[in-house]
PDB file of N, CA and C in Angstrom:
ATOM      1  N   MET A   1     109.131  44.461  50.887  1.00  0.00           N
ATOM      2  CA  MET A   1     109.335  44.858  51.834  1.00  0.00           C
ATOM      3  C   MET A   1     111.061  45.813  51.896  1.00  0.00           C
ATOM      4  N   THR A   2     111.698  45.080  51.612  1.00  0.00           N
ATOM      5  CA  THR A   2     112.974  45.352  50.598  1.00  0.00           C
ATOM      6  C   THR A   2     112.961  46.924  50.651  1.00  0.00           C
ATOM      7  N   LEU A   3     112.325  47.682  50.255  1.00  0.00           N
ATOM      8  CA  LEU A   3     111.711  48.642  49.429  1.00  0.00           C
ATOM      9  C   LEU A   3     111.934  49.855  51.261  1.00  0.00           C
ATOM     10  N   ASN A   4     110.764  49.236  51.988  1.00  0.00           N
ATOM     11  CA  ASN A   4     109.975  50.250  52.967  1.00  0.00           C
ATOM     12  C   ASN A   4     111.438  49.635  54.250  1.00  0.00           C
ATOM     13  N   ILE A   5     112.438  48.643  54.220  1.00  0.00           N
ATOM     14  CA  ILE A   5     113.572  49.474  54.594  1.00  0.00           C
ATOM     15  C   ILE A   5     114.236  50.172  54.341  1.00  0.00           C
ATOM     16  N   PHE A   6     114.597  50.185  53.660  1.00  0.00           N
ATOM     17  CA  PHE A   6     115.502  51.397  52.410  1.00  0.00           C
ATOM     18  C   PHE A   6     114.764  52.373  53.217  1.00  0.00           C
ATOM     19  N   GLU A   7     113.593  52.757  52.944  1.00  0.00           N
ATOM     20  CA  GLU A   7     112.523  54.395  52.820  1.00  0.00           C
ATOM     21  C   GLU A   7     112.795  54.466  55.022  1.00  0.00           C
ATOM     22  N   THR A   8     112.653  53.432  55.274  1.00  0.00           N
ATOM     23  CA  THR A   8     112.080  53.577  56.888  1.00  0.00           C
ATOM     24  C   THR A   8     114.220  54.198  57.237  1.00  0.00           C
ATOM     25  N   ILE A   9     115.150  53.172  56.302  1.00  0.00           N
ATOM     26  CA  ILE A   9     116.515  53.654  56.699  1.00  0.00           C
ATOM     27  C   ILE A   9     117.103  55.085  56.616  1.00  0.00           C
ATOM     28  N   THR A  10     116.423  55.591  55.645  1.00  0.00           N
ATOM     29  CA  THR A  10     117.289  56.647  54.753  1.00  0.00           C
ATOM     30  C   THR A  10     115.786  58.011  55.547  1.00  0.00           C
ATOM     31  N   ASN A  11     114.471  57.557  55.914  1.00  0.00           N
ATOM     32  CA  ASN A  11     113.553  58.664  56.071  1.00  0.00           C
ATOM     33  C   ASN A  11     114.189  58.998  57.883  1.00  0.00           C
ATOM     34  N   GLU A  12     115.018  58.182  58.301  1.00  0.00           N
ATOM     35  CA  GLU A  12     115.817  58.090  59.561  1.00  0.00           C
ATOM     36  C   GLU A  12     116.828  58.556  59.870  1.00  0.00           C
ATOM     37  N   LEU A  13     117.994  58.448  58.701  1.00  0.00           N
ATOM     38  CA  LEU A  13     119.423  58.890  58.467  1.00  0.00           C
ATOM     39  C   LEU A  13     119.316  61.018  58.024  1.00  0.00           C
ATOM     40  N   VAL A  14     117.305  61.339  56.909  1.00  0.00           N
ATOM     41  CA  VAL A  14     117.365  61.915  56.612  1.00  0.00           C
ATOM     42  C   VAL A  14     117.213  62.653  58.042  1.00  0.00           C
ATOM     43  N   GLU A  15     116.283  62.341  59.308  1.00  0.00           N
ATOM     44  CA  GLU A  15     116.094  63.522  60.348  1.00  0.00           C
ATOM     45  C   GLU A  15     116.525  63.293  61.500  1.00  0.00           C
ATOM     46  N   PHE A  16     117.825  62.564  61.140  1.00  0.00           N
ATOM     47  CA  PHE A  16     119.584  62.591  61.896  1.00  0.00           C
ATOM     48  C   PHE A  16     120.111  63.327  61.741  1.00  0.00           C
ATOM     49  N   ILE A  17     120.733  63.644  60.478  1.00  0.00           N
ATOM     50  CA  ILE A  17     121.424  64.634  59.707  1.00  0.00           C
ATOM     51  C   ILE A  17     120.661  66.447  59.899  1.00  0.00           C
ATOM     52  N   THR A  18     119.180  65.925  59.487  1.00  0.00           N
ATOM     53  CA  THR A  18     118.544  67.421  60.355  1.00  0.00           C
ATOM     54  C   THR A  18     118.890  67.487  61.721  1.00  0.00           C
ATOM     55  N   ASP A  19     119.038  66.887  62.859  1.00  0.00           N
ATOM     56  CA  ASP A  19     118.921  67.060  64.151  1.00  0.00           C
ATOM     57  C   ASP A  19     120.104  67.560  64.071  1.00  0.00           C
ATOM     58  N   ILE A  20     121.061  67.039  63.574  1.00  0.00           N
ATOM     59  CA  ILE A  20     122.512  67.204  63.992  1.00  0.00           C
ATOM     60  C   ILE A  20     122.844  69.063  63.666  1.00  0.00           C
ATOM     61  N   LYS A  21     121.993  68.887  62.328  1.00  0.00           N
ATOM     62  CA  LYS A  21     122.298  70.556  61.298  1.00  0.00           C
ATOM     63  C   LYS A  21     121.587  72.030  62.960  1.00  0.00           C
ATOM     64  N   ASP A  22     120.401  70.986  62.913  1.00  0.00           N
ATOM     65  CA  ASP A  22     120.329  71.929  64.476  1.00  0.00           C
ATOM     66  C   ASP A  22     120.473  72.197  65.876  1.00  0.00           C
ATOM     67  N   LEU A  23     121.469  70.794  65.953  1.00  0.00           N
ATOM     68  CA  LEU A  23     122.530  71.033  66.986  1.00  0.00           C
ATOM     69  C   LEU A  23     123.242  72.391  66.600  1.00  0.00           C
ATOM     70  N   PHE A  24     124.009  72.266  66.139  1.00  0.00           N
ATOM     71  CA  PHE A  24     125.144  73.353  65.623  1.00  0.00           C
ATOM     72  C   PHE A  24     124.910  74.842  65.378  1.00  0.00           C
ATOM     73  N   ILE A  25     123.245  74.950  64.894  1.00  0.00           N
ATOM     74  CA  ILE A  25     123.249  75.981  64.151  1.00  0.00           C
ATOM     75  C   ILE A  25     122.054  76.815  65.559  1.00  0.00           C
ATOM     76  N   ASP A  26     121.151  75.889  66.546  1.00  0.00           N
ATOM     77  CA  ASP A  26     121.325  76.251  67.828  1.00  0.00           C
ATOM     78  C   ASP A  26     122.522  76.581  68.855  1.00  0.00           C
ATOM     79  N   MET A  27     123.579  75.857  69.263  1.00  0.00           N
ATOM     80  CA  MET A  27     124.451  75.993  69.294  1.00  0.00           C
ATOM     81  C   MET A  27     125.861  77.771  68.806  1.00  0.00           C
ATOM     82  N   ALA A  28     125.132  78.185  67.598  1.00  0.00           N
ATOM     83  CA  ALA A  28     125.904  79.095  66.824  1.00  0.00           C
ATOM     84  C   ALA A  28     124.914  80.469  67.834  1.00  0.00           C
ATOM     85  N   SER A  29     124.343  80.084  67.463  1.00  0.00           N
ATOM     86  CA  SER A  29     122.465  81.078  68.103  1.00  0.00           C
ATOM     87  C   SER A  29     122.971  81.754  69.493  1.00  0.00           C
ATOM     88  N   GLY A  30     123.117  80.371  70.194  1.00  0.00           N
ATOM     89  CA  GLY A  30     123.593  80.918  71.372  1.00  0.00           C
ATOM     90  C   GLY A  30     124.594  81.863  71.903  1.00  0.00           C
ATOM     91  N   ILE A  31     126.115  81.114  71.542  1.00  0.00           N
ATOM     92  CA  ILE A  31     127.033  81.968  71.404  1.00  0.00           C
ATOM     93  C   ILE A  31     127.196  83.140  71.203  1.00  0.00           C
ATOM     94  N   HIS A  32     126.279  83.037  69.230  1.00  0.00           N
ATOM     95  CA  HIS A  32     125.745  84.865  68.746  1.00  0.00           C
ATOM     96  C   HIS A  32     125.168  85.511  70.248  1.00  0.00           C
ATOM     97  N   LYS A  33     124.121  84.593  70.894  1.00  0.00           N
ATOM     98  CA  LYS A  33     123.336  85.901  71.373  1.00  0.00           C
ATOM     99  C   LYS A  33     124.069  86.530  72.448  1.00  0.00           C
ATOM    100  N   PHE A  34     125.346  85.132  73.373  1.00  0.00           N
ATOM    101  CA  PHE A  34     126.137  85.915  74.392  1.00  0.00           C
ATOM    102  C   PHE A  34     127.047  86.453  74.561  1.00  0.00           C
ATOM    103  N   LEU A  35     128.214  86.798  72.863  1.00  0.00           N
ATOM    104  CA  LEU A  35     128.622  87.609  72.311  1.00  0.00           C
ATOM    105  C   LEU A  35     128.034  89.244  72.307  1.00  0.00           C
ATOM    106  N   ASN A  36     126.476  89.235  71.834  1.00  0.00           N
ATOM    107  CA  ASN A  36     125.919  90.117  71.561  1.00  0.00           C
ATOM    108  C   ASN A  36     126.026  91.136  72.301  1.00  0.00           C
ATOM    109  N   ARG A  37     125.485  90.200  73.579  1.00  0.00           N
ATOM    110  CA  ARG A  37     125.828  90.696  75.005  1.00  0.00           C
ATOM    111  C   ARG A  37     126.396  92.380  75.102  1.00  0.00           C
ATOM    112  N   PHE A  38     128.519  91.838  74.439  1.00  0.00           N
ATOM    113  CA  PHE A  38     129.295  93.008  74.953  1.00  0.00           C
ATOM    114  C   PHE A  38     129.283  93.340  74.306  1.00  0.00           C
ATOM    115  N   MET A  39     129.277  93.087  72.585  1.00  0.00           N
ATOM    116  CA  MET A  39     130.115  93.446  71.378  1.00  0.00           C
ATOM    117  C   MET A  39     128.898  93.483  70.393  1.00  0.00           C
ATOM    118  N   SER A  40     128.829  94.743  69.641  1.00  0.00           N
ATOM    119  CA  SER A  40     128.260  94.306  68.400  1.00  0.00           C
ATOM    120  C   SER A  40     129.049  93.390  67.513  1.00  0.00           C
ATOM    121  N   ASP A  41     127.518  93.714  66.204  1.00  0.00           N
ATOM    122  CA  ASP A  41     127.633  92.168  65.343  1.00  0.00           C
ATOM    123  C   ASP A  41     129.344  92.489  64.453  1.00  0.00           C
ATOM    124  N   ASP A  42     129.830  94.185  64.001  1.00  0.00           N
ATOM    125  CA  ASP A  42     130.227  94.579  63.531  1.00  0.00           C
ATOM    126  C   ASP A  42     132.197  94.232  64.258  1.00  0.00           C
ATOM    127  N   ILE A  43     132.135  93.990  65.453  1.00  0.00           N
ATOM    128  CA  ILE A  43     133.628  93.666  66.345  1.00  0.00           C
ATOM    129  C   ILE A  43     133.188  92.245  66.159  1.00  0.00           C
ATOM    130  N   LEU A  44     131.589  91.245  66.579  1.00  0.00           N
ATOM    131  CA  LEU A  44     132.405  90.326  66.340  1.00  0.00           C
ATOM    132  C   LEU A  44     132.587  89.230  64.113  1.00  0.00           C
ATOM    133  N   ILE A  45     132.388  90.584  63.477  1.00  0.00           N
ATOM    134  CA  ILE A  45     133.021  89.992  62.103  1.00  0.00           C
ATOM    135  C   ILE A  45     134.060  90.098  62.494  1.00  0.00           C
ATOM    136  N   LEU A  46     134.357  91.447  62.850  1.00  0.00           N
ATOM    137  CA  LEU A  46     136.024  91.893  63.174  1.00  0.00           C
ATOM    138  C   LEU A  46     137.131  90.421  63.549  1.00  0.00           C
ATOM    139  N   PHE A  47     136.143  90.046  64.602  1.00  0.00           N
ATOM    140  CA  PHE A  47     137.276  88.793  65.481  1.00  0.00           C
ATOM    141  C   PHE A  47     137.274  87.419  64.679  1.00  0.00           C
ATOM    142  N   GLY A  48     135.704  87.544  64.365  1.00  0.00           N
ATOM    143  CA  GLY A  48     135.681  85.601  63.316  1.00  0.00           C
ATOM    144  C   GLY A  48     137.592  86.549  62.335  1.00  0.00           C
ATOM    145  N   ILE A  49     137.091  87.316  61.597  1.00  0.00           N
ATOM    146  CA  ILE A  49     137.977  88.022  60.449  1.00  0.00           C
ATOM    147  C   ILE A  49     139.585  87.318  61.491  1.00  0.00           C
ATOM    148  N   ALA A  50     140.030  87.846  61.876  1.00  0.00           N
ATOM    149  CA  ALA A  50     141.489  87.312  63.151  1.00  0.00           C
ATOM    150  C   ALA A  50     141.427  86.497  63.262  1.00  0.00           C
ATOM    151  N   ILE A  51     140.251  85.624  63.977  1.00  0.00           N
ATOM    152  CA  ILE A  51     140.589  83.810  64.430  1.00  0.00           C
ATOM    153  C   ILE A  51     141.199  82.849  63.275  1.00  0.00           C
ATOM    154  N   CYS A  52     139.954  83.740  62.293  1.00  0.00           N
ATOM    155  CA  CYS A  52     140.348  82.536  60.964  1.00  0.00           C
ATOM    156  C   CYS A  52     141.800  82.987  60.131  1.00  0.00           C
ATOM    157  N   ALA A  53     142.052  84.431  60.467  1.00  0.00           N
ATOM    158  CA  ALA A  53     143.789  84.212  59.707  1.00  0.00           C
ATOM    159  C   ALA A  53     145.010  83.690  60.562  1.00  0.00           C
ATOM    160  N   PHE A  54     144.250  83.384  61.796  1.00  0.00           N
ATOM    161  CA  PHE A  54     145.415  83.032  62.422  1.00  0.00           C
ATOM    162  C   PHE A  54     145.611  81.751  62.621  1.00  0.00           C
ATOM    163  N   LEU A  55     144.183  81.163  61.972  1.00  0.00           N
ATOM    164  CA  LEU A  55     144.362  79.649  61.959  1.00  0.00           C
ATOM    165  C   LEU A  55     144.526  79.716  61.084  1.00  0.00           C
ATOM    166  N   ALA A  56     144.792  80.456  59.620  1.00  0.00           N
ATOM    167  CA  ALA A  56     145.342  79.644  58.585  1.00  0.00           C
ATOM    168  C   ALA A  56     146.924  80.390  58.957  1.00  0.00           C
ATOM    169  N   ILE A  57     147.428  81.011  58.910  1.00  0.00           N
ATOM    170  CA  ILE A  57     148.420  81.189  59.164  1.00  0.00           C
ATOM    171  C   ILE A  57     149.128  79.943  59.674  1.00  0.00           C
ATOM    172  N   ILE A  58     148.835  79.831  60.679  1.00  0.00           N
ATOM    173  CA  ILE A  58     149.483  78.257  61.585  1.00  0.00           C
ATOM    174  C   ILE A  58     148.702  77.107  60.644  1.00  0.00           C
ATOM    175  N   PHE A  59     148.143  77.147  59.709  1.00  0.00           N
ATOM    176  CA  PHE A  59     148.326  75.998  59.504  1.00  0.00           C
ATOM    177  C   PHE A  59     148.985  76.064  57.711  1.00  0.00           C
ATOM    178  N   PHE A  60     149.540  77.066  57.372  1.00  0.00           N
ATOM    179  CA  PHE A  60     150.329  77.597  56.029  1.00  0.00           C
ATOM    180  C   PHE A  60     152.234  77.327  56.904  1.00  0.00           C
ATOM    181  N   ARG A  61     152.213  77.694  58.058  1.00  0.00           N
ATOM    182  CA  ARG A  61     153.229  77.758  58.991  1.00  0.00           C
ATOM    183  C   ARG A  61     153.888  75.672  58.643  1.00  0.00           C
ATOM    184  N   TYR A  62     152.704  74.828  59.430  1.00  0.00           N
ATOM    185  CA  TYR A  62     152.705  73.743  59.533  1.00  0.00           C
ATOM    186  C   TYR A  62     153.560  73.155  58.243  1.00  0.00           C
ATOM    187  N   VAL A  63     151.887  73.576  57.030  1.00  0.00           N
ATOM    188  CA  VAL A  63     152.216  73.070  55.511  1.00  0.00           C
ATOM    189  C   VAL A  63     153.878  72.931  54.947  1.00  0.00           C
ATOM    190  N   ILE A  64     154.456  74.958  55.333  1.00  0.00           N
ATOM    191  CA  ILE A  64     155.649  75.031  54.866  1.00  0.00           C
ATOM    192  C   ILE A  64     156.871  74.255  55.565  1.00  0.00           C
ATOM    193  N   ASN A  65     156.472  73.881  56.879  1.00  0.00           N
ATOM    194  CA  ASN A  65     157.966  73.455  58.374  1.00  0.00           C
ATOM    195  C   ASN A  65     157.614  72.155  57.847  1.00  0.00           C
ATOM    196  N   LYS A  66     156.207  71.352  57.328  1.00  0.00           N
ATOM    197  CA  LYS A  66     156.724  69.660  56.902  1.00  0.00           C
ATOM    198  C   LYS A  66     158.054  69.179  56.157  1.00  0.00           C
ATOM    199  N   ARG A  67     158.398  69.893  54.879  1.00  0.00           N
ATOM    200  CA  ARG A  67     159.016  69.585  53.810  1.00  0.00           C
ATOM    201  C   ARG A  67     160.810  69.501  54.535  1.00  0.00           C
TER     202      ARG A  67
END
């Protein structure tokens, strides 16, 4: 009986994690479809790289100024 409870909890946890993963994939897919109407994938990649670089600069400035 105890094994059955652990098995059920494990199965529910795996299904929950899968649902969360699918939610993020669906959100990213929807955003990509929306943005793809206005610009090509190459420009989306450039904007993504620029946003990541900007966030990295902000993070490192925060870490450096923390001292």
